[in-house]
Amino acid sequence: MTTNPYAPPTAKVADAEGTEIAPPLWNPNAAANWSLVFTPAFGALLHMLNWRALGEDGKTASAKGWFIASLVMLVVYIALGLALRDPRAADAAGRAAGLGYLIVWYFAAARSQAKYVKERFGKTYPRKGWTKPLLLGALALIGYLALAVFVGFLFYR
């Protein structure tokens, strides 16, 4: 379909029913679910970008705090592996800390965005694609695992 080059400019405004036009967003529930694979840092980053697109500055700052805390937790997991010399104990402690943090992040931050988007836009909002975030998440995970192995070799020689 072609557009009329002589038509007056249009702006995105509320429709006749008063509902808002949503910006493109990543599905907040899917972002939280992918955090099971890529850590809460992945979900917190996508939620931060969603809040920014929604124009919610306070919630953007909060999500940024969760993202930074998630990165700190990644360092804590490596430190746990170094502190606990027994590989089974280190693995169990890392898994328990990771799962605990994921649950806290989900109930304290992630769930609220899913509720906000559902109440404000329902299921009819434009969705951003997942190819780029998932590829970057996979690369970041591979990099993190390589770093953890490297640090392990440095300290266990």
N, C-alpha and C. Protein backbone atom coordinates (compact mmCIF):
# COMPACT_ATOMS: atom_id res chain seq x y z
N MET A 1 0.85 -1.17 0.00
CA MET A 1 0.00 0.00 0.00
C MET A 1 0.89 1.23 0.00
N THR A 2 0.58 2.20 -0.81
CA THR A 2 1.38 3.42 -0.90
C THR A 2 0.77 4.50 -0.02
N THR A 3 1.62 5.42 0.37
CA THR A 3 1.13 6.54 1.18
C THR A 3 1.07 7.78 0.32
N ASN A 4 0.21 8.66 0.66
CA ASN A 4 0.03 9.91 -0.07
C ASN A 4 1.09 10.90 0.39
N PRO A 5 2.02 11.31 -0.48
CA PRO A 5 3.07 12.25 -0.06
C PRO A 5 2.52 13.64 0.21
N TYR A 6 1.29 13.91 -0.21
CA TYR A 6 0.71 15.24 -0.02
C TYR A 6 -0.24 15.30 1.18
N ALA A 7 -0.38 14.17 1.86
CA ALA A 7 -1.26 14.14 3.03
C ALA A 7 -0.61 14.88 4.20
N PRO A 8 -1.41 15.47 5.08
CA PRO A 8 -0.83 16.16 6.24
C PRO A 8 -0.15 15.14 7.16
N PRO A 9 0.83 15.57 7.92
CA PRO A 9 1.51 14.64 8.83
C PRO A 9 0.54 14.11 9.89
N THR A 10 0.80 12.90 10.30
CA THR A 10 -0.04 12.29 11.33
C THR A 10 0.80 12.02 12.57
N ALA A 11 0.16 11.97 13.68
CA ALA A 11 0.83 11.67 14.94
C ALA A 11 0.11 10.52 15.61
N LYS A 12 0.86 9.76 16.41
CA LYS A 12 0.24 8.68 17.16
C LYS A 12 -0.51 9.30 18.33
N VAL A 13 -1.79 9.13 18.35
CA VAL A 13 -2.62 9.65 19.44
C VAL A 13 -3.55 8.55 19.90
N ALA A 14 -4.24 8.80 20.97
CA ALA A 14 -5.20 7.82 21.46
C ALA A 14 -6.32 7.66 20.44
N ASP A 15 -6.84 6.45 20.32
CA ASP A 15 -7.93 6.24 19.37
C ASP A 15 -9.25 6.71 19.98
N ALA A 16 -10.32 6.54 19.26
CA ALA A 16 -11.63 7.05 19.70
C ALA A 16 -12.08 6.43 21.01
N GLU A 17 -11.61 5.23 21.33
CA GLU A 17 -12.01 4.58 22.58
C GLU A 17 -11.16 5.04 23.75
N GLY A 18 -10.12 5.82 23.49
CA GLY A 18 -9.30 6.33 24.58
C GLY A 18 -8.15 5.42 24.95
N THR A 19 -7.94 4.35 24.23
CA THR A 19 -6.81 3.48 24.56
C THR A 19 -5.54 4.04 23.95
N GLU A 20 -4.44 3.76 24.59
CA GLU A 20 -3.17 4.29 24.14
C GLU A 20 -2.56 3.41 23.05
N ILE A 21 -1.72 4.01 22.28
CA ILE A 21 -0.92 3.25 21.33
C ILE A 21 0.38 2.90 22.04
N ALA A 22 0.66 1.63 22.13
CA ALA A 22 1.82 1.16 22.87
C ALA A 22 3.08 1.23 22.02
N PRO A 23 4.21 1.49 22.67
CA PRO A 23 5.47 1.39 21.94
C PRO A 23 5.83 -0.09 21.77
N PRO A 24 6.68 -0.41 20.83
CA PRO A 24 7.12 -1.81 20.71
C PRO A 24 7.87 -2.24 21.98
N LEU A 25 7.51 -3.40 22.50
CA LEU A 25 8.09 -3.92 23.75
C LEU A 25 8.47 -5.38 23.58
N TRP A 26 9.41 -5.81 24.41
CA TRP A 26 9.64 -7.24 24.55
C TRP A 26 8.61 -7.75 25.54
N ASN A 27 8.07 -8.91 25.28
CA ASN A 27 7.10 -9.49 26.19
C ASN A 27 7.75 -9.66 27.56
N PRO A 28 7.22 -8.99 28.60
CA PRO A 28 7.85 -9.05 29.92
C PRO A 28 7.86 -10.46 30.52
N ASN A 29 6.81 -11.24 30.26
CA ASN A 29 6.81 -12.61 30.76
C ASN A 29 7.86 -13.46 30.08
N ALA A 30 8.01 -13.29 28.78
CA ALA A 30 9.02 -14.05 28.05
C ALA A 30 10.42 -13.65 28.52
N ALA A 31 10.64 -12.36 28.77
CA ALA A 31 11.95 -11.90 29.26
C ALA A 31 12.26 -12.55 30.60
N ALA A 32 11.26 -12.63 31.47
CA ALA A 32 11.46 -13.28 32.77
C ALA A 32 11.73 -14.78 32.58
N ASN A 33 11.02 -15.41 31.66
CA ASN A 33 11.25 -16.84 31.41
C ASN A 33 12.64 -17.09 30.84
N TRP A 34 13.09 -16.24 29.93
CA TRP A 34 14.44 -16.42 29.37
C TRP A 34 15.50 -16.20 30.43
N SER A 35 15.17 -15.54 31.53
CA SER A 35 16.12 -15.34 32.62
C SER A 35 16.47 -16.66 33.32
N LEU A 36 15.64 -17.66 33.15
CA LEU A 36 15.99 -18.99 33.66
C LEU A 36 17.23 -19.53 32.96
N VAL A 37 17.40 -19.17 31.71
CA VAL A 37 18.55 -19.63 30.93
C VAL A 37 19.71 -18.64 31.02
N PHE A 38 19.40 -17.35 30.85
CA PHE A 38 20.44 -16.33 30.71
C PHE A 38 20.67 -15.49 31.96
N THR A 39 20.15 -15.86 33.09
CA THR A 39 20.26 -15.17 34.38
C THR A 39 19.34 -13.95 34.43
N PRO A 40 19.02 -13.50 35.64
CA PRO A 40 18.16 -12.32 35.79
C PRO A 40 18.75 -11.05 35.17
N ALA A 41 20.04 -11.02 34.93
CA ALA A 41 20.63 -9.84 34.28
C ALA A 41 20.00 -9.63 32.90
N PHE A 42 19.74 -10.70 32.19
CA PHE A 42 19.12 -10.63 30.87
C PHE A 42 17.73 -10.02 30.97
N GLY A 43 16.91 -10.56 31.85
CA GLY A 43 15.55 -10.07 32.01
C GLY A 43 15.51 -8.64 32.54
N ALA A 44 16.38 -8.34 33.49
CA ALA A 44 16.40 -6.99 34.06
C ALA A 44 16.78 -5.96 33.01
N LEU A 45 17.72 -6.31 32.13
CA LEU A 45 18.10 -5.39 31.06
C LEU A 45 16.94 -5.14 30.10
N LEU A 46 16.26 -6.21 29.69
CA LEU A 46 15.13 -6.04 28.78
C LEU A 46 13.98 -5.28 29.45
N HIS A 47 13.75 -5.55 30.72
CA HIS A 47 12.71 -4.81 31.45
C HIS A 47 13.09 -3.34 31.56
N MET A 48 14.37 -3.06 31.77
CA MET A 48 14.82 -1.67 31.84
C MET A 48 14.54 -0.96 30.51
N LEU A 49 14.84 -1.63 29.40
CA LEU A 49 14.60 -1.03 28.09
C LEU A 49 13.10 -0.87 27.82
N ASN A 50 12.30 -1.82 28.30
CA ASN A 50 10.84 -1.68 28.18
C ASN A 50 10.34 -0.47 28.96
N TRP A 51 10.80 -0.32 30.21
CA TRP A 51 10.35 0.81 31.02
C TRP A 51 10.75 2.12 30.36
N ARG A 52 11.94 2.16 29.77
CA ARG A 52 12.38 3.37 29.07
C ARG A 52 11.44 3.68 27.90
N ALA A 53 11.09 2.65 27.14
CA ALA A 53 10.17 2.85 26.00
C ALA A 53 8.80 3.31 26.47
N LEU A 54 8.40 2.89 27.66
CA LEU A 54 7.10 3.28 28.21
C LEU A 54 7.15 4.66 28.85
N GLY A 55 8.34 5.25 28.98
CA GLY A 55 8.47 6.58 29.56
C GLY A 55 8.38 6.61 31.07
N GLU A 56 8.66 5.49 31.70
CA GLU A 56 8.59 5.38 33.16
C GLU A 56 10.00 5.50 33.74
N ASP A 57 10.43 6.74 34.01
CA ASP A 57 11.80 6.98 34.44
C ASP A 57 12.15 6.33 35.77
N GLY A 58 11.24 6.40 36.74
CA GLY A 58 11.51 5.80 38.04
C GLY A 58 11.66 4.30 37.95
N LYS A 59 10.80 3.68 37.17
CA LYS A 59 10.87 2.22 37.02
C LYS A 59 12.07 1.82 36.16
N THR A 60 12.47 2.69 35.24
CA THR A 60 13.68 2.43 34.47
C THR A 60 14.89 2.40 35.39
N ALA A 61 14.96 3.36 36.32
CA ALA A 61 16.08 3.41 37.27
C ALA A 61 16.07 2.19 38.18
N SER A 62 14.90 1.78 38.61
CA SER A 62 14.80 0.59 39.45
C SER A 62 15.29 -0.65 38.71
N ALA A 63 14.87 -0.81 37.45
CA ALA A 63 15.30 -1.95 36.66
C ALA A 63 16.81 -1.91 36.41
N LYS A 64 17.36 -0.70 36.26
CA LYS A 64 18.81 -0.57 36.10
C LYS A 64 19.52 -1.05 37.37
N GLY A 65 18.95 -0.73 38.52
CA GLY A 65 19.51 -1.21 39.79
C GLY A 65 19.49 -2.73 39.86
N TRP A 66 18.39 -3.34 39.42
CA TRP A 66 18.30 -4.80 39.39
C TRP A 66 19.32 -5.39 38.42
N PHE A 67 19.53 -4.72 37.28
CA PHE A 67 20.52 -5.20 36.31
C PHE A 67 21.92 -5.18 36.92
N ILE A 68 22.27 -4.08 37.59
CA ILE A 68 23.59 -3.98 38.22
C ILE A 68 23.73 -5.01 39.33
N ALA A 69 22.68 -5.18 40.14
CA ALA A 69 22.72 -6.19 41.20
C ALA A 69 22.89 -7.59 40.60
N SER A 70 22.27 -7.84 39.46
CA SER A 70 22.39 -9.14 38.80
C SER A 70 23.81 -9.38 38.32
N LEU A 71 24.46 -8.33 37.83
CA LEU A 71 25.86 -8.47 37.42
C LEU A 71 26.75 -8.75 38.63
N VAL A 72 26.46 -8.10 39.75
CA VAL A 72 27.21 -8.36 40.98
C VAL A 72 27.01 -9.81 41.41
N MET A 73 25.79 -10.32 41.27
CA MET A 73 25.54 -11.72 41.64
C MET A 73 26.35 -12.68 40.77
N LEU A 74 26.58 -12.33 39.52
CA LEU A 74 27.40 -13.18 38.67
C LEU A 74 28.83 -13.28 39.22
N VAL A 75 29.33 -12.19 39.76
CA VAL A 75 30.64 -12.20 40.39
C VAL A 75 30.59 -13.05 41.66
N VAL A 76 29.50 -12.94 42.41
CA VAL A 76 29.35 -13.72 43.64
C VAL A 76 29.37 -15.22 43.33
N TYR A 77 28.74 -15.64 42.22
CA TYR A 77 28.74 -17.06 41.87
C TYR A 77 30.15 -17.57 41.64
N ILE A 78 30.97 -16.78 40.96
CA ILE A 78 32.36 -17.19 40.74
C ILE A 78 33.11 -17.21 42.06
N ALA A 79 32.87 -16.21 42.92
CA ALA A 79 33.53 -16.17 44.23
C ALA A 79 33.13 -17.38 45.08
N LEU A 80 31.86 -17.78 45.00
CA LEU A 80 31.44 -18.98 45.74
C LEU A 80 32.21 -20.22 45.26
N GLY A 81 32.39 -20.31 43.97
CA GLY A 81 33.14 -21.43 43.41
C GLY A 81 34.58 -21.46 43.88
N LEU A 82 35.15 -20.27 44.08
CA LEU A 82 36.53 -20.19 44.56
C LEU A 82 36.62 -20.45 46.06
N ALA A 83 35.64 -19.96 46.80
CA ALA A 83 35.67 -20.09 48.26
C ALA A 83 35.41 -21.52 48.71
N LEU A 84 34.51 -22.18 48.02
CA LEU A 84 34.18 -23.56 48.37
C LEU A 84 34.98 -24.49 47.47
N ARG A 85 36.00 -25.08 47.99
CA ARG A 85 36.92 -25.90 47.18
C ARG A 85 36.26 -27.18 46.67
N ASP A 86 35.26 -27.66 47.38
CA ASP A 86 34.57 -28.87 46.95
C ASP A 86 33.64 -28.53 45.77
N PRO A 87 33.86 -29.13 44.60
CA PRO A 87 33.04 -28.77 43.44
C PRO A 87 31.54 -29.00 43.64
N ARG A 88 31.17 -30.05 44.36
CA ARG A 88 29.74 -30.31 44.60
C ARG A 88 29.13 -29.24 45.48
N ALA A 89 29.85 -28.86 46.52
CA ALA A 89 29.35 -27.81 47.42
C ALA A 89 29.25 -26.48 46.69
N ALA A 90 30.27 -26.17 45.87
CA ALA A 90 30.25 -24.92 45.12
C ALA A 90 29.09 -24.91 44.13
N ASP A 91 28.87 -26.04 43.47
CA ASP A 91 27.76 -26.12 42.51
C ASP A 91 26.42 -25.96 43.22
N ALA A 92 26.25 -26.63 44.34
CA ALA A 92 24.99 -26.55 45.09
C ALA A 92 24.76 -25.13 45.61
N ALA A 93 25.81 -24.51 46.14
CA ALA A 93 25.67 -23.15 46.67
C ALA A 93 25.36 -22.16 45.55
N GLY A 94 26.04 -22.31 44.41
CA GLY A 94 25.79 -21.43 43.28
C GLY A 94 24.37 -21.56 42.75
N ARG A 95 23.90 -22.81 42.65
CA ARG A 95 22.53 -23.03 42.17
C ARG A 95 21.50 -22.46 43.15
N ALA A 96 21.72 -22.68 44.44
CA ALA A 96 20.78 -22.18 45.45
C ALA A 96 20.75 -20.65 45.44
N ALA A 97 21.93 -20.03 45.38
CA ALA A 97 21.99 -18.57 45.35
C ALA A 97 21.34 -18.03 44.07
N GLY A 98 21.61 -18.67 42.95
CA GLY A 98 21.04 -18.23 41.67
C GLY A 98 19.53 -18.35 41.64
N LEU A 99 19.03 -19.49 42.10
CA LEU A 99 17.58 -19.69 42.10
C LEU A 99 16.91 -18.73 43.08
N GLY A 100 17.52 -18.55 44.23
CA GLY A 100 16.96 -17.62 45.22
C GLY A 100 16.91 -16.20 44.68
N TYR A 101 17.98 -15.78 44.05
CA TYR A 101 18.01 -14.43 43.48
C TYR A 101 16.98 -14.29 42.36
N LEU A 102 16.86 -15.28 41.53
CA LEU A 102 15.88 -15.25 40.43
C LEU A 102 14.46 -15.08 40.98
N ILE A 103 14.14 -15.83 42.02
CA ILE A 103 12.80 -15.75 42.61
C ILE A 103 12.56 -14.36 43.22
N VAL A 104 13.55 -13.85 43.93
CA VAL A 104 13.42 -12.51 44.52
C VAL A 104 13.23 -11.46 43.43
N TRP A 105 14.06 -11.52 42.39
CA TRP A 105 13.94 -10.55 41.29
C TRP A 105 12.57 -10.64 40.62
N TYR A 106 12.11 -11.86 40.37
CA TYR A 106 10.83 -12.01 39.69
C TYR A 106 9.69 -11.38 40.49
N PHE A 107 9.60 -11.73 41.77
CA PHE A 107 8.47 -11.22 42.57
C PHE A 107 8.64 -9.75 42.96
N ALA A 108 9.87 -9.28 43.08
CA ALA A 108 10.08 -7.88 43.47
C ALA A 108 10.02 -6.92 42.29
N ALA A 109 10.35 -7.39 41.08
CA ALA A 109 10.44 -6.45 39.96
C ALA A 109 9.78 -6.93 38.67
N ALA A 110 10.07 -8.13 38.25
CA ALA A 110 9.65 -8.57 36.92
C ALA A 110 8.14 -8.71 36.78
N ARG A 111 7.51 -9.26 37.78
CA ARG A 111 6.07 -9.50 37.70
C ARG A 111 5.28 -8.21 37.56
N SER A 112 5.78 -7.14 38.16
CA SER A 112 5.05 -5.87 38.09
C SER A 112 4.99 -5.32 36.67
N GLN A 113 6.05 -5.56 35.87
CA GLN A 113 6.00 -5.06 34.49
C GLN A 113 5.00 -5.85 33.66
N ALA A 114 4.95 -7.14 33.86
CA ALA A 114 3.98 -7.95 33.12
C ALA A 114 2.55 -7.49 33.46
N LYS A 115 2.30 -7.22 34.72
CA LYS A 115 0.98 -6.75 35.14
C LYS A 115 0.68 -5.37 34.56
N TYR A 116 1.66 -4.49 34.59
CA TYR A 116 1.51 -3.13 34.07
C TYR A 116 1.16 -3.16 32.58
N VAL A 117 1.91 -3.92 31.80
CA VAL A 117 1.68 -4.00 30.35
C VAL A 117 0.32 -4.61 30.06
N LYS A 118 -0.04 -5.65 30.80
CA LYS A 118 -1.33 -6.31 30.58
C LYS A 118 -2.49 -5.37 30.89
N GLU A 119 -2.39 -4.64 32.00
CA GLU A 119 -3.47 -3.72 32.37
C GLU A 119 -3.56 -2.52 31.43
N ARG A 120 -2.43 -2.06 30.96
CA ARG A 120 -2.42 -0.85 30.13
C ARG A 120 -2.72 -1.12 28.67
N PHE A 121 -2.20 -2.25 28.14
CA PHE A 121 -2.34 -2.51 26.71
C PHE A 121 -3.01 -3.85 26.38
N GLY A 122 -3.22 -4.67 27.37
CA GLY A 122 -3.76 -6.00 27.10
C GLY A 122 -2.74 -6.83 26.34
N LYS A 123 -3.23 -7.59 25.38
CA LYS A 123 -2.32 -8.41 24.58
C LYS A 123 -2.03 -7.77 23.22
N THR A 124 -2.56 -6.57 23.02
CA THR A 124 -2.45 -5.93 21.70
C THR A 124 -1.43 -4.80 21.74
N TYR A 125 -0.19 -5.12 21.89
CA TYR A 125 0.87 -4.14 21.79
C TYR A 125 1.91 -4.67 20.81
N PRO A 126 2.61 -3.77 20.12
CA PRO A 126 3.63 -4.24 19.18
C PRO A 126 4.79 -4.89 19.93
N ARG A 127 5.23 -6.01 19.42
CA ARG A 127 6.30 -6.75 20.08
C ARG A 127 7.62 -6.63 19.33
N LYS A 128 8.68 -6.49 20.11
CA LYS A 128 10.02 -6.46 19.54
C LYS A 128 10.46 -7.90 19.29
N GLY A 129 11.33 -8.07 18.33
CA GLY A 129 11.84 -9.39 17.99
C GLY A 129 12.83 -9.92 19.02
N TRP A 130 13.00 -11.22 19.02
CA TRP A 130 13.85 -11.88 20.00
C TRP A 130 15.21 -12.30 19.46
N THR A 131 15.42 -12.21 18.16
CA THR A 131 16.67 -12.72 17.59
C THR A 131 17.90 -12.04 18.19
N LYS A 132 17.93 -10.73 18.16
CA LYS A 132 19.10 -9.99 18.66
C LYS A 132 19.33 -10.22 20.16
N PRO A 133 18.30 -10.06 21.02
CA PRO A 133 18.55 -10.28 22.45
C PRO A 133 18.99 -11.71 22.77
N LEU A 134 18.40 -12.69 22.09
CA LEU A 134 18.78 -14.07 22.39
C LEU A 134 20.20 -14.38 21.92
N LEU A 135 20.59 -13.85 20.77
CA LEU A 135 21.97 -14.05 20.31
C LEU A 135 22.96 -13.37 21.26
N LEU A 136 22.65 -12.14 21.64
CA LEU A 136 23.53 -11.44 22.58
C LEU A 136 23.56 -12.13 23.95
N GLY A 137 22.41 -12.63 24.39
CA GLY A 137 22.36 -13.37 25.65
C GLY A 137 23.20 -14.63 25.59
N ALA A 138 23.13 -15.36 24.46
CA ALA A 138 23.93 -16.57 24.31
C ALA A 138 25.42 -16.24 24.29
N LEU A 139 25.79 -15.18 23.58
CA LEU A 139 27.20 -14.77 23.56
C LEU A 139 27.68 -14.34 24.94
N ALA A 140 26.85 -13.61 25.66
CA ALA A 140 27.21 -13.18 27.01
C ALA A 140 27.36 -14.38 27.94
N LEU A 141 26.47 -15.36 27.81
CA LEU A 141 26.55 -16.56 28.64
C LEU A 141 27.83 -17.34 28.34
N ILE A 142 28.16 -17.49 27.07
CA ILE A 142 29.39 -18.18 26.69
C ILE A 142 30.60 -17.43 27.23
N GLY A 143 30.59 -16.11 27.12
CA GLY A 143 31.68 -15.30 27.66
C GLY A 143 31.81 -15.44 29.17
N TYR A 144 30.67 -15.45 29.85
CA TYR A 144 30.69 -15.59 31.31
C TYR A 144 31.24 -16.96 31.71
N LEU A 145 30.81 -18.00 31.03
CA LEU A 145 31.31 -19.34 31.34
C LEU A 145 32.81 -19.45 31.05
N ALA A 146 33.26 -18.83 29.97
CA ALA A 146 34.70 -18.82 29.67
C ALA A 146 35.47 -18.08 30.75
N LEU A 147 34.94 -16.97 31.22
CA LEU A 147 35.57 -16.21 32.30
C LEU A 147 35.63 -17.05 33.57
N ALA A 148 34.55 -17.73 33.90
CA ALA A 148 34.52 -18.55 35.11
C ALA A 148 35.55 -19.68 35.03
N VAL A 149 35.67 -20.31 33.88
CA VAL A 149 36.67 -21.38 33.71
C VAL A 149 38.07 -20.81 33.82
N PHE A 150 38.31 -19.66 33.19
CA PHE A 150 39.62 -19.01 33.25
C PHE A 150 39.99 -18.67 34.69
N VAL A 151 39.07 -18.08 35.42
CA VAL A 151 39.33 -17.72 36.82
C VAL A 151 39.57 -18.99 37.64
N GLY A 152 38.80 -20.03 37.37
CA GLY A 152 39.00 -21.30 38.08
C GLY A 152 40.39 -21.87 37.84
N PHE A 153 40.87 -21.82 36.60
CA PHE A 153 42.21 -22.31 36.29
C PHE A 153 43.27 -21.46 36.96
N LEU A 154 43.05 -20.15 37.02
CA LEU A 154 44.03 -19.27 37.68
C LEU A 154 44.20 -19.61 39.15
N PHE A 155 43.11 -19.89 39.84
CA PHE A 155 43.15 -20.08 41.27
C PHE A 155 43.34 -21.54 41.70
N TYR A 156 43.17 -22.47 40.81
CA TYR A 156 43.29 -23.89 41.19
C TYR A 156 44.54 -24.54 40.62
N ARG A 157 45.50 -23.76 40.14
CA ARG A 157 46.73 -24.35 39.63
C ARG A 157 47.60 -24.82 40.76
